[in-house]
Every structure is written in structure tokens, then in C-alpha cells.
Amino acid sequence: MTGKATSEAPVSGPEETTPAKVPITEPSGEVVTSESTGQEQAQEPQEPGSQALGSIAPTAPAATKSAPPSEDVPSAPLKLTVEDVSHSSLTVSWEPPEKLGKLGIQGYVLEFCREGASEWVPVNAQPIMVTQQTMRNLALGDKFFLRVTAVSSAGSGPPAVLDKPVHIQEIIEAPKIRVPRHLRETYIRLVGQSVNLQIPFQGKPKPQASWTHNGHELDSKRVNVRSGDQDSILFIRSAQRCDSGRYELTVRLEGLEAKATIDILVIGEKGLPPSDSIKILDVWGCNAALEWTPPQDTGNTELLGYTVQKADKKTGQWFTVLERYHPTSCTVSDLIIGNSYSFRVFSENLCGLSDSATTTKELAHIQKTEITAKPREFTERDFSEAPSFTQPLADHTSTPGYSTQLFCSVRASPKPKIIWMKNKMNIQGDPKYRAMSEQGICTLEIRKTSPFDAGVYTCKAINVLGEASVDCRLEVKASATH
């Protein structure tokens, strides 16, 4: 036969005479306990399967229980195992016996015997067919043995007994600390601001929480700590620079512990300017080389850099040249020749620029250099040009009663005189025509043409270097009728 079926373990000790919690079977197969004095009391009618065990006489007052050997009696159940134990409940399971007997089994009876007692108390009054039961409402500190027996109509078979007692005790949950996301990086506060950190943690039973500052105990005059069941609060009413550093929270429970570190940085409102006055090392051309030393007090935090400004002596207005500049020397360029400049430097931390700046004691004079101009020989170019037409007139056909325009373009220097002719006769001054010339474009507009206006038109351009002309033919035809 396989499994954990063993003969009943001997139990020694007097019978129990003090009140105790006795399990009661629920209809679902789960078991609860009720108070029992060990004496018979009047019981109210209960549903089947929910009878209080305090009123049931123990099946075997002795430590062992024997069954007559018979082929009709089932063998002991197999693999009696404790599935789960909590601070108030216990779950056990088993497997059916290897031999069920000729008549089969009617169910199982689970019994318990407290450590030091001599009687076995049934958990269920009547045999049940389930192979798992849960005993609830148990008292902390209880220790008892368990056994289960298969029952048939011919009687009970041998029991399967747990070889060790079961101890009902508090479930220990290892401590854990949950650091909020905003505290996983350096927590920055200004001098005078409050620090209020709430750190949640887990653990069962209630763990013990403690804090340290840079590995030492906290100064109770400055730092207040309040720890509850699920969190610990660290509070500083008015933070000072000395409160900066690494704070470590330790949560301990039953030899287990969890730790979390939080870095706090308390900074001054603003740092100081560079400790010495800014110096002008050299001036050349339109440039000035400057140098300064870092400030003695950075506000308890690193510098973000320096801001360099310049001011013209004439206007006195300051203009920023460099921002968040990290080196302690620089060259300022693009200064105006003939002007004198002052320079100043601010330091900058997380709170902003320093309230004051370090200013140069002397001025940087941008001197004018004597330059002798040597004019280059220049030969004036002659752009004179005789007239020439770049775009000639084009033959054109017009409709009677409509105005029309003739175009051409000419190039000449000096500007030429433009003369328009019709059939070699000068038409200047005739109100029938309007001549225009702009940027070398020559235009002749003929207003409300008639067959009389047909002919050869000539544009002539004349200057001191010569002349040129172009011709075109104009026809005036009536539109075809459909």
C-alpha cells in the first residue's frame, strides 16, 4: 500500500478539562469550531452535517483504534496530507484506500486529538464522501494530531494518522518596502521648507520600522518619525542644510528585514557670485579675454554654470554674452571699435542666478587702428552704344472699331529719341496715335482702327552715335459673319 497511511500515533496526557474550541462541520464539507466545556449541554436542532463536536462522545478514548480484520472492512486511506495552515484554519486531504472492501465505503471520518490529550474527537459526526476538509476558527497556539478513517456498513477500517502534530500559528509575511516613484531620485527641498515623507511597507505581523541618517541615529530634536502598521512617516518642520544626506528605512520582522534609502538635498535659495572680481586678461582687436574664480558657497548644490554679461560705457545697458557657461575663463568677441566695456559674472544653481554679480574693476578699451587706404586704379568703362532693336515690330491684323498696339524693344546709350511713322510720314502729335517708351520698350497704340489706318508703320531710334529703325504692316479687316 502506498501513501501516508500509518498506524495511529500514541498520544499521552490527561483528558482535557478546560474549555476549548471544537470544530463543527459545515454543509459544504468545511469545518468550523465552537466553544465546548467537555460536558454535555443542550443543543438546538441543527441541519445534518453541522452537529457540534462538543456533544459527540469520542470514538476511541485510547490513543489507538483497532478494527476487526475482515474483507468487508476497507483499508486505511492513503496520503493524508496537510494542504494549508493559516492563523485560524487548517486544510487536509487524502486519497481513497487501496482496498474498499466487498461492501464499499460509506464515507470518511476525520478526527483530531490535541497534543497532551488522550481522546480523539470526530470533526464530522457522519461519514462524508469528500477527500478534503477545512477546519476553521481555530485558536492560535493549538497543536493537535489528525487521523482519517474509511467507514463501510461492516465497520471502520484502520486510520491514517499524521506522524507530526499540526501547529496553528501566525502566518509570517516577509517585510517589503514600496518607495514612491518621486523619492527614487534625490529629493530636493529649499532651506526652511518642510520635509514630509510617507513610505508604505508590508509585513505580517506588524514589523518594526527604524530610520538612520548617514548611518547614524536621527536627531529627535529635528526629525520626527511615526510608524504604523503599513507605513512610516519622516517629518522635518524646517529643513536646514545639515539635514541633507542619505536616510535609510529598515523594516524588521522575525529575523527578516527590508531596507530602502532616500537621498535628501536641502539647498540655499541661491548661490554666491564668484569669490574674486572678474579680471580682464587681454584685449586685442574686437576681443576681450576674461577670467574669474568659482564662488565659495554654491548653495549646497552643484553649479549649473555662469552667466557672463557686457555693458557699453556709453549706454550702461547690460547684455548677456554666455549662459550656463561652465569654465571660469572666456573670450568675448564682436566688440565695437572705439567703445569701452565692463563685464560681470553671475553664478547659477537649481534656484536660479545669484542675487549679485562680480564686476570688472577696469574697462576694456577697443582701440581704433590706423588704416591707410590705398585706392586701386579704376578705369571707367564706356557704355555708349548706337541704337539697335532687340525685338523688331511684327505684322499685325486688326478689326475695325477696336484699338490695337504695336511693340518693339531697343537698346542704346545715351537714351535714344523714338520717332513713329506711317507710310514714312511722321505721325507724332496726331491724337489718333499714342506713343510710349519705357525701359527700352516702345509701344504705339492706334485708337479705334479703320481701314484707313492700314499701312506700313516704322519705329526709328536716334542718338548721337547713330540710328536704327524697324517696320511692320498693319491690316484692318472686318470680322467674318456666320
Protein backbone atom coordinates (compact mmCIF):
# COMPACT_ATOMS: atom_id res chain seq x y z
CA MET A 1 0.00 0.00 0.00
CA THR A 2 1.35 3.43 -0.94
CA GLY A 3 0.70 6.84 0.59
CA LYS A 4 0.97 8.21 4.08
CA ALA A 5 -1.28 5.67 5.80
CA THR A 6 0.29 4.84 9.15
CA SER A 7 -0.86 3.29 12.37
CA GLU A 8 -2.28 5.69 14.93
CA ALA A 9 0.40 7.60 16.81
CA PRO A 10 0.33 7.10 20.59
CA VAL A 11 -0.88 10.13 22.50
CA SER A 12 -0.20 10.57 26.20
CA GLY A 13 -1.56 13.03 28.74
CA PRO A 14 -4.71 13.67 30.75
CA GLU A 15 -8.06 14.29 29.24
CA GLU A 16 -8.89 17.92 28.51
CA THR A 17 -10.91 19.64 31.21
CA THR A 18 -10.52 23.27 30.11
CA PRO A 19 -12.85 24.97 27.57
CA ALA A 20 -11.65 24.68 24.01
CA LYS A 21 -12.80 25.49 20.51
CA VAL A 22 -14.25 22.38 18.87
CA PRO A 23 -14.68 22.16 15.08
CA ILE A 24 -18.13 21.95 13.51
CA THR A 25 -18.73 20.56 10.03
CA GLU A 26 -20.36 22.95 7.55
CA PRO A 27 -22.69 21.59 4.83
CA SER A 28 -20.01 22.27 2.22
CA GLY A 29 -17.59 19.94 3.94
CA GLU A 30 -15.72 22.84 5.64
CA VAL A 31 -15.37 22.71 9.41
CA VAL A 32 -15.74 25.49 11.99
CA THR A 33 -15.29 25.33 15.76
CA SER A 34 -17.45 26.29 18.71
CA GLU A 35 -16.76 26.60 22.43
CA SER A 36 -17.13 23.37 24.45
CA THR A 37 -16.61 22.73 28.17
CA GLY A 38 -16.21 18.99 27.76
CA GLN A 39 -19.61 18.41 29.47
CA GLU A 40 -22.84 17.53 27.71
CA GLN A 41 -25.04 20.58 27.02
CA ALA A 42 -28.45 21.01 25.47
CA GLN A 43 -28.10 21.58 21.72
CA GLU A 44 -30.50 23.30 19.40
CA PRO A 45 -31.64 21.27 16.39
CA GLN A 46 -29.10 21.64 13.57
CA GLU A 47 -29.01 20.69 9.95
CA PRO A 48 -27.44 17.35 9.08
CA GLY A 49 -23.67 17.59 8.95
CA SER A 50 -23.49 20.68 11.23
CA GLN A 51 -23.65 18.97 14.65
CA ALA A 52 -21.32 20.44 17.29
CA LEU A 53 -18.46 18.11 18.08
CA GLY A 54 -18.57 19.00 21.76
CA SER A 55 -21.64 16.83 22.13
CA ILE A 56 -20.14 13.79 20.42
CA ALA A 57 -18.57 11.10 22.54
CA PRO A 58 -15.04 10.30 21.40
CA THR A 59 -14.89 7.20 19.31
CA ALA A 60 -11.74 5.90 20.92
CA PRO A 61 -10.64 7.29 24.26
CA ALA A 62 -7.41 5.41 23.95
CA ALA A 63 -4.53 6.52 21.80
CA THR A 64 -5.10 3.77 19.27
CA LYS A 65 -8.12 2.42 17.49
CA SER A 66 -8.33 -1.13 16.14
CA ALA A 67 -10.79 -2.63 13.67
CA PRO A 68 -11.64 -6.34 13.41
CA PRO A 69 -9.91 -7.88 10.42
CA SER A 70 -12.44 -8.58 7.72
CA GLU A 71 -12.51 -8.50 3.98
CA ASP A 72 -15.60 -6.29 4.25
CA VAL A 73 -13.72 -3.51 6.10
CA PRO A 74 -11.78 -1.01 3.91
CA SER A 75 -8.08 -0.39 4.39
CA ALA A 76 -6.61 2.88 5.67
CA PRO A 77 -6.90 6.00 3.43
CA LEU A 78 -3.75 6.97 1.57
CA LYS A 79 -1.57 10.11 1.57
CA LEU A 80 -3.10 12.07 4.45
CA THR A 81 -1.56 15.49 3.85
CA VAL A 82 -1.82 18.98 5.31
CA GLU A 83 -2.59 21.24 2.33
CA ASP A 84 -2.67 24.63 4.06
CA VAL A 85 -2.29 26.10 7.54
CA SER A 86 -3.15 29.68 8.50
CA HIS A 87 -3.55 31.53 11.80
CA SER A 88 -7.15 30.25 12.16
CA SER A 89 -7.73 27.39 9.71
CA LEU A 90 -6.35 24.09 8.54
CA THR A 91 -6.99 22.15 5.32
CA VAL A 92 -6.16 18.43 4.97
CA SER A 93 -6.67 15.99 2.12
CA TRP A 94 -6.25 12.30 1.50
CA GLU A 95 -6.80 9.67 -1.16
CA PRO A 96 -9.20 6.69 -1.11
CA PRO A 97 -7.89 3.47 0.45
CA GLU A 98 -6.29 0.81 -1.67
CA LYS A 99 -8.91 -1.76 -0.60
CA LEU A 100 -12.52 -0.59 -0.42
CA GLY A 101 -13.92 -3.90 0.96
CA LYS A 102 -16.68 -6.02 -0.53
CA LEU A 103 -19.43 -3.66 0.61
CA GLY A 104 -17.69 -0.45 -0.48
CA ILE A 105 -17.27 2.65 1.71
CA GLN A 106 -19.92 4.99 3.07
CA GLY A 107 -17.51 7.86 3.65
CA TYR A 108 -14.68 9.13 5.82
CA VAL A 109 -14.47 10.32 9.42
CA LEU A 110 -11.79 12.89 10.26
CA GLU A 111 -10.72 13.08 13.92
CA PHE A 112 -8.30 15.20 15.91
CA CYS A 113 -6.56 14.85 19.25
CA ARG A 114 -4.94 17.81 20.96
CA GLU A 115 -1.34 17.40 21.98
CA GLY A 116 -1.25 16.11 25.54
CA ALA A 117 -4.85 14.84 25.43
CA SER A 118 -5.92 11.19 25.27
CA GLU A 119 -9.20 11.27 23.36
CA TRP A 120 -9.91 11.60 19.67
CA VAL A 121 -12.71 13.99 18.74
CA PRO A 122 -14.53 13.50 15.40
CA VAL A 123 -14.62 16.52 13.11
CA ASN A 124 -17.67 15.26 11.18
CA ALA A 125 -20.45 13.40 13.01
CA GLN A 126 -21.48 11.35 9.99
CA PRO A 127 -19.19 9.86 7.32
CA ILE A 128 -18.70 12.14 4.32
CA MET A 129 -17.53 11.21 0.83
CA VAL A 130 -15.23 14.20 0.28
CA THR A 131 -11.47 13.65 0.49
CA GLN A 132 -10.62 17.17 1.70
CA GLN A 133 -11.79 19.14 4.71
CA THR A 134 -11.09 22.61 6.14
CA MET A 135 -11.19 23.26 9.87
CA ARG A 136 -11.89 26.93 10.63
CA ASN A 137 -11.99 29.27 13.64
CA LEU A 138 -9.03 27.56 15.26
CA ALA A 139 -7.15 29.22 18.11
CA LEU A 140 -3.59 30.46 17.79
CA GLY A 141 -1.15 28.13 19.51
CA ASP A 142 -3.24 24.96 19.12
CA LYS A 143 -1.32 21.73 18.43
CA PHE A 144 -3.12 18.51 17.57
CA PHE A 145 -2.82 15.23 15.70
CA LEU A 146 -5.15 14.26 12.84
CA ARG A 147 -6.37 10.93 11.53
CA VAL A 148 -8.95 9.84 8.99
CA THR A 149 -10.82 6.54 8.75
CA ALA A 150 -12.76 4.96 5.89
CA VAL A 151 -16.18 3.64 7.02
CA SER A 152 -18.33 0.89 5.46
CA SER A 153 -21.53 -0.83 6.58
CA ALA A 154 -19.35 -3.55 8.08
CA GLY A 155 -17.44 -1.03 10.26
CA SER A 156 -14.46 1.31 10.25
CA GLY A 157 -11.13 0.37 8.79
CA PRO A 158 -7.73 1.26 10.23
CA PRO A 159 -6.97 5.03 10.39
CA ALA A 160 -4.32 7.02 8.53
CA VAL A 161 -2.57 9.22 11.11
CA LEU A 162 -0.32 12.27 10.69
CA ASP A 163 3.04 11.43 12.22
CA LYS A 164 3.58 15.02 13.49
CA PRO A 165 1.19 17.41 15.25
CA VAL A 166 -0.13 20.45 13.38
CA HIS A 167 0.67 23.83 14.96
CA ILE A 168 -1.74 26.75 14.40
CA GLN A 169 0.38 29.90 14.42
CA GLU A 170 0.55 33.37 12.96
CA ILE A 171 1.44 33.47 9.27
CA ILE A 172 4.62 35.46 8.74
CA GLU A 173 4.68 37.71 5.67
CA ALA A 174 8.17 38.89 4.78
CA PRO A 175 8.57 42.68 5.06
CA LYS A 176 8.63 44.74 1.87
CA ILE A 177 9.06 48.48 1.34
CA ARG A 178 7.39 50.34 -1.53
CA VAL A 179 9.29 53.57 -2.20
CA PRO A 180 7.14 56.13 -4.09
CA ARG A 181 8.38 56.99 -7.57
CA HIS A 182 9.20 60.64 -6.75
CA LEU A 183 11.53 59.53 -3.94
CA ARG A 184 13.60 57.17 -6.06
CA GLU A 185 15.69 60.14 -7.15
CA THR A 186 17.25 62.83 -4.99
CA TYR A 187 14.52 64.68 -3.06
CA ILE A 188 15.34 68.41 -3.22
CA ARG A 189 14.00 70.99 -0.75
CA LEU A 190 14.84 74.63 -0.07
CA VAL A 191 16.12 75.84 3.29
CA GLY A 192 13.14 76.46 5.55
CA GLN A 193 10.74 74.18 3.71
CA SER A 194 9.23 71.14 5.43
CA VAL A 195 10.10 67.53 4.64
CA ASN A 196 7.21 65.06 4.88
CA LEU A 197 7.95 61.55 3.61
CA GLN A 198 5.39 58.75 3.82
CA ILE A 199 6.89 55.35 2.97
CA PRO A 200 4.44 52.40 2.70
CA PHE A 201 5.58 48.91 3.68
CA GLN A 202 4.14 45.41 4.07
CA GLY A 203 4.67 42.68 6.64
CA LYS A 204 2.74 40.35 8.87
CA PRO A 205 2.53 40.53 11.82
CA LYS A 206 3.31 44.22 12.32
CA PRO A 207 7.02 44.78 11.57
CA GLN A 208 9.32 47.16 13.41
CA ALA A 209 10.46 50.24 11.45
CA SER A 210 13.57 52.33 12.17
CA TRP A 211 15.41 55.20 10.42
CA THR A 212 19.04 56.31 10.19
CA HIS A 213 20.67 59.44 8.75
CA ASN A 214 24.02 58.82 7.06
CA GLY A 215 24.34 55.63 9.10
CA HIS A 216 23.62 57.32 12.46
CA GLU A 217 20.55 57.65 14.62
CA LEU A 218 18.17 60.51 13.84
CA ASP A 219 18.29 63.75 15.79
CA SER A 220 14.95 63.57 17.61
CA LYS A 221 15.01 67.35 18.16
CA ARG A 222 14.88 67.98 14.43
CA VAL A 223 13.33 64.88 12.91
CA ASN A 224 10.03 63.27 13.90
CA VAL A 225 9.17 59.69 12.95
CA ARG A 226 5.78 57.99 13.22
CA SER A 227 5.38 54.36 12.18
CA GLY A 228 2.10 52.49 11.80
CA ASP A 229 1.06 49.04 10.64
CA GLN A 230 1.50 49.86 6.94
CA ASP A 231 3.72 52.94 6.65
CA SER A 232 6.35 55.10 8.29
CA ILE A 233 6.36 58.92 8.17
CA LEU A 234 9.50 61.06 8.49
CA PHE A 235 8.83 64.75 9.14
CA ILE A 236 11.14 67.77 9.39
CA ARG A 237 9.34 71.03 10.13
CA SER A 238 12.02 73.42 8.83
CA ALA A 239 14.77 71.81 6.78
CA GLN A 240 18.35 73.07 7.01
CA ARG A 241 21.43 72.20 5.01
CA CYS A 242 22.59 69.84 7.74
CA ASP A 243 19.51 67.71 7.06
CA SER A 244 20.89 66.75 3.64
CA GLY A 245 22.16 63.21 3.23
CA ARG A 246 21.06 59.60 2.91
CA TYR A 247 18.14 58.39 5.01
CA GLU A 248 17.68 54.64 5.37
CA LEU A 249 14.44 52.94 6.44
CA THR A 250 14.76 49.42 7.87
CA VAL A 251 11.73 47.18 8.45
CA ARG A 252 12.38 44.06 10.57
CA LEU A 253 10.18 41.04 11.29
CA GLU A 254 11.11 37.66 12.79
CA GLY A 255 14.73 37.84 11.67
CA LEU A 256 13.77 39.18 8.24
CA GLU A 257 14.36 42.75 7.15
CA ALA A 258 13.92 45.09 4.20
CA LYS A 259 15.77 48.35 3.58
CA ALA A 260 15.18 51.43 1.43
CA THR A 261 17.35 54.53 1.02
CA ILE A 262 16.18 58.07 0.22
CA ASP A 263 18.58 60.88 -0.68
CA ILE A 264 17.53 64.34 0.52
CA LEU A 265 19.24 67.54 -0.62
CA VAL A 266 18.46 70.82 1.17
CA ILE A 267 19.76 73.77 -0.81
CA GLY A 268 20.03 77.51 -0.18
CA GLU A 269 17.83 79.78 -2.21
CA LYS A 270 20.70 80.97 -4.40
CA GLY A 271 24.46 80.61 -4.54
CA LEU A 272 27.02 83.39 -4.22
CA PRO A 273 28.78 85.07 -7.16
CA PRO A 274 32.42 84.20 -7.94
CA SER A 275 34.64 84.98 -4.96
CA ASP A 276 37.08 87.36 -6.71
CA SER A 277 36.40 90.20 -9.12
CA ILE A 278 36.43 89.25 -12.76
CA LYS A 279 39.74 90.10 -14.44
CA ILE A 280 40.45 91.30 -17.96
CA LEU A 281 43.45 89.30 -19.12
CA ASP A 282 43.90 90.75 -22.61
CA VAL A 283 42.24 92.96 -25.20
CA TRP A 284 43.01 92.69 -28.90
CA GLY A 285 41.11 93.68 -31.98
CA CYS A 286 37.41 93.33 -31.16
CA ASN A 287 38.00 90.73 -28.41
CA ALA A 288 38.50 90.69 -24.65
CA ALA A 289 39.75 87.71 -22.57
CA LEU A 290 38.20 87.33 -19.07
CA GLU A 291 38.90 85.14 -16.03
CA TRP A 292 37.27 84.59 -12.58
CA THR A 293 37.33 82.14 -9.66
CA PRO A 294 34.46 79.85 -8.51
CA PRO A 295 32.24 81.00 -5.59
CA GLN A 296 32.98 79.78 -2.07
CA ASP A 297 29.31 78.93 -1.39
CA THR A 298 27.33 77.13 -4.11
CA GLY A 299 24.08 76.88 -2.11
CA ASN A 300 24.76 73.27 -1.06
CA THR A 301 24.29 72.06 -4.62
CA GLU A 302 26.28 71.88 -7.82
CA LEU A 303 26.51 74.91 -10.08
CA LEU A 304 24.64 74.85 -13.34
CA GLY A 305 27.15 77.32 -14.79
CA TYR A 306 27.91 81.03 -15.11
CA THR A 307 26.20 83.89 -16.93
CA VAL A 308 28.55 86.47 -18.50
CA GLN A 309 27.26 89.95 -19.43
CA LYS A 310 28.78 93.02 -21.07
CA ALA A 311 27.86 96.74 -20.92
CA ASP A 312 28.96 99.60 -23.15
CA LYS A 313 30.16 102.62 -21.17
CA LYS A 314 28.09 104.94 -23.34
CA THR A 315 24.72 103.27 -22.72
CA GLY A 316 25.33 101.37 -19.46
CA GLN A 317 22.92 98.63 -20.56
CA TRP A 318 23.87 95.02 -19.78
CA PHE A 319 23.60 92.32 -22.43
CA THR A 320 24.06 88.58 -21.87
CA VAL A 321 27.00 87.06 -23.73
CA LEU A 322 27.10 83.50 -22.29
CA GLU A 323 24.57 81.42 -20.30
CA ARG A 324 25.23 78.34 -18.16
CA TYR A 325 28.87 78.52 -19.13
CA HIS A 326 30.96 76.08 -17.08
CA PRO A 327 34.64 77.12 -17.49
CA THR A 328 35.99 80.02 -15.42
CA SER A 329 37.50 81.90 -18.37
CA CYS A 330 36.13 83.05 -21.71
CA THR A 331 36.71 85.35 -24.66
CA VAL A 332 34.07 87.96 -25.56
CA SER A 333 34.14 88.83 -29.26
CA ASP A 334 32.35 91.18 -31.68
CA LEU A 335 33.01 94.27 -29.58
CA ILE A 336 32.63 97.65 -31.27
CA ILE A 337 35.81 99.51 -32.11
CA GLY A 338 36.20 102.75 -30.19
CA ASN A 339 33.91 101.70 -27.28
CA SER A 340 34.82 100.78 -23.69
CA TYR A 341 33.19 97.80 -21.94
CA SER A 342 32.54 96.48 -18.44
CA PHE A 343 31.89 92.80 -17.73
CA ARG A 344 30.16 90.91 -14.90
CA VAL A 345 29.55 87.25 -13.99
CA PHE A 346 26.63 85.57 -12.13
CA SER A 347 26.68 82.01 -10.77
CA GLU A 348 23.60 79.78 -11.20
CA ASN A 349 22.30 76.78 -9.24
CA LEU A 350 18.96 74.98 -9.07
CA CYS A 351 17.35 78.06 -7.50
CA GLY A 352 18.48 80.45 -10.25
CA LEU A 353 21.07 83.19 -10.68
CA SER A 354 22.92 84.64 -7.71
CA ASP A 355 21.44 87.87 -6.34
CA SER A 356 24.61 89.82 -7.13
CA ALA A 357 27.42 89.57 -9.66
CA THR A 358 31.17 90.02 -9.78
CA THR A 359 32.08 93.03 -11.97
CA THR A 360 35.35 94.09 -13.60
CA LYS A 361 37.11 96.99 -11.91
CA GLU A 362 38.65 98.24 -15.16
CA LEU A 363 37.25 98.91 -18.60
CA ALA A 364 38.22 97.12 -21.77
CA HIS A 365 39.01 99.76 -24.44
CA ILE A 366 38.60 98.61 -28.01
CA GLN A 367 41.20 100.81 -29.79
CA LYS A 368 40.91 102.10 -33.31
CA THR A 369 43.74 101.00 -35.55
CA GLU A 370 45.22 103.40 -38.11
CA ILE A 371 44.46 102.13 -41.59
CA THR A 372 45.96 103.78 -44.70
CA ALA A 373 43.66 103.32 -47.62
CA LYS A 374 45.33 102.70 -50.96
CA PRO A 375 42.75 103.28 -53.69
CA ARG A 376 43.02 100.92 -56.59
CA GLU A 377 43.30 102.30 -60.08
CA PHE A 378 39.94 102.36 -61.77
CA THR A 379 39.36 102.65 -65.49
CA GLU A 380 35.92 103.94 -66.25
CA ARG A 381 34.13 101.86 -68.83
CA ASP A 382 32.37 103.48 -71.76
CA PHE A 383 28.86 102.15 -72.08
CA SER A 384 27.95 104.32 -75.09
CA GLU A 385 26.12 102.37 -77.77
CA ALA A 386 24.34 103.19 -81.01
CA PRO A 387 20.64 102.23 -81.16
CA SER A 388 19.82 98.65 -82.03
CA PHE A 389 16.47 96.88 -81.87
CA THR A 390 16.48 93.69 -79.79
CA GLN A 391 12.85 92.94 -80.67
CA PRO A 392 11.52 94.11 -84.09
CA LEU A 393 7.95 95.05 -84.95
CA ALA A 394 5.67 92.21 -86.08
CA ASP A 395 2.98 92.38 -88.79
CA HIS A 396 -0.47 92.72 -87.23
CA THR A 397 -4.12 92.42 -88.28
CA SER A 398 -6.82 94.45 -86.56
CA THR A 399 -10.61 94.66 -86.59
CA PRO A 400 -12.35 97.99 -87.40
CA GLY A 401 -13.57 99.84 -84.31
CA TYR A 402 -11.07 98.21 -81.90
CA SER A 403 -7.81 99.70 -80.67
CA THR A 404 -4.54 97.87 -81.33
CA GLN A 405 -0.92 98.15 -80.18
CA LEU A 406 2.46 97.69 -81.86
CA PHE A 407 5.52 96.66 -79.79
CA CYS A 408 9.31 96.63 -80.22
CA SER A 409 12.37 96.96 -77.97
CA VAL A 410 15.55 98.99 -78.47
CA ARG A 411 18.93 99.25 -76.72
CA ALA A 412 21.09 102.39 -76.87
CA SER A 413 23.26 104.68 -74.74
CA PRO A 414 22.66 107.52 -74.35
CA LYS A 415 18.88 107.15 -74.38
CA PRO A 416 17.62 107.44 -77.97
CA LYS A 417 14.83 109.57 -79.39
CA ILE A 418 11.92 107.46 -80.68
CA ILE A 419 10.04 108.51 -83.84
CA TRP A 420 6.94 106.68 -85.20
CA MET A 421 5.98 106.95 -88.90
CA LYS A 422 3.16 105.63 -91.09
CA ASN A 423 3.99 105.04 -94.69
CA LYS A 424 7.23 107.03 -93.99
CA MET A 425 5.27 110.02 -92.68
CA ASN A 426 5.83 111.26 -89.11
CA ILE A 427 2.65 110.74 -87.05
CA GLN A 428 3.81 112.40 -83.85
CA GLY A 429 1.24 114.78 -82.43
CA ASP A 430 -1.68 113.03 -84.17
CA PRO A 431 -4.36 112.32 -81.47
CA LYS A 432 -5.20 109.12 -83.32
CA TYR A 433 -1.95 107.64 -82.01
CA ARG A 434 -0.35 107.41 -78.57
CA ALA A 435 3.39 106.58 -78.38
CA MET A 436 5.12 105.31 -75.15
CA SER A 437 8.72 104.31 -74.33
CA GLU A 438 9.82 102.81 -71.02
CA GLN A 439 12.93 100.79 -70.16
CA GLY A 440 13.66 100.30 -73.86
CA ILE A 441 10.14 99.02 -74.69
CA CYS A 442 8.48 101.11 -77.43
CA THR A 443 4.69 100.97 -77.82
CA LEU A 444 2.36 102.58 -80.36
CA GLU A 445 -1.39 102.50 -79.65
CA ILE A 446 -3.80 103.08 -82.58
CA ARG A 447 -7.22 104.03 -81.27
CA LYS A 448 -10.35 102.55 -82.89
CA THR A 449 -8.78 101.37 -86.10
CA SER A 450 -10.47 101.73 -89.53
CA PRO A 451 -9.47 100.56 -92.99
CA PHE A 452 -7.80 103.94 -93.42
CA ASP A 453 -5.25 103.01 -90.67
CA ALA A 454 -3.81 100.11 -92.68
CA GLY A 455 -0.30 100.55 -93.96
CA VAL A 456 3.41 100.26 -93.09
CA TYR A 457 4.46 101.55 -89.66
CA THR A 458 8.08 102.40 -88.80
CA CYS A 459 9.80 102.90 -85.40
CA LYS A 460 13.06 104.86 -85.59
CA ALA A 461 15.55 105.27 -82.70
CA ILE A 462 18.19 108.09 -82.89
CA ASN A 463 21.08 109.16 -80.58
CA VAL A 464 24.46 110.84 -81.06
CA LEU A 465 26.07 107.54 -82.11
CA GLY A 466 23.60 106.64 -84.85
CA GLU A 467 20.12 105.50 -85.62
CA ALA A 468 18.10 102.32 -86.36
CA SER A 469 14.59 101.53 -87.48
CA VAL A 470 12.14 98.60 -87.86
CA ASP A 471 8.94 98.23 -89.96
CA CYS A 472 5.75 96.22 -89.86
CA ARG A 473 2.50 96.03 -91.86
CA LEU A 474 -0.93 96.59 -90.31
CA GLU A 475 -4.08 95.30 -91.99
CA VAL A 476 -7.59 96.21 -90.90
CA LYS A 477 -10.23 93.66 -91.87
CA ALA A 478 -13.84 93.29 -90.94
CA SER A 479 -14.64 90.10 -88.99
CA ALA A 480 -16.28 87.31 -90.98
CA THR A 481 -20.04 86.85 -90.42
CA HIS A 482 -21.57 83.44 -89.92
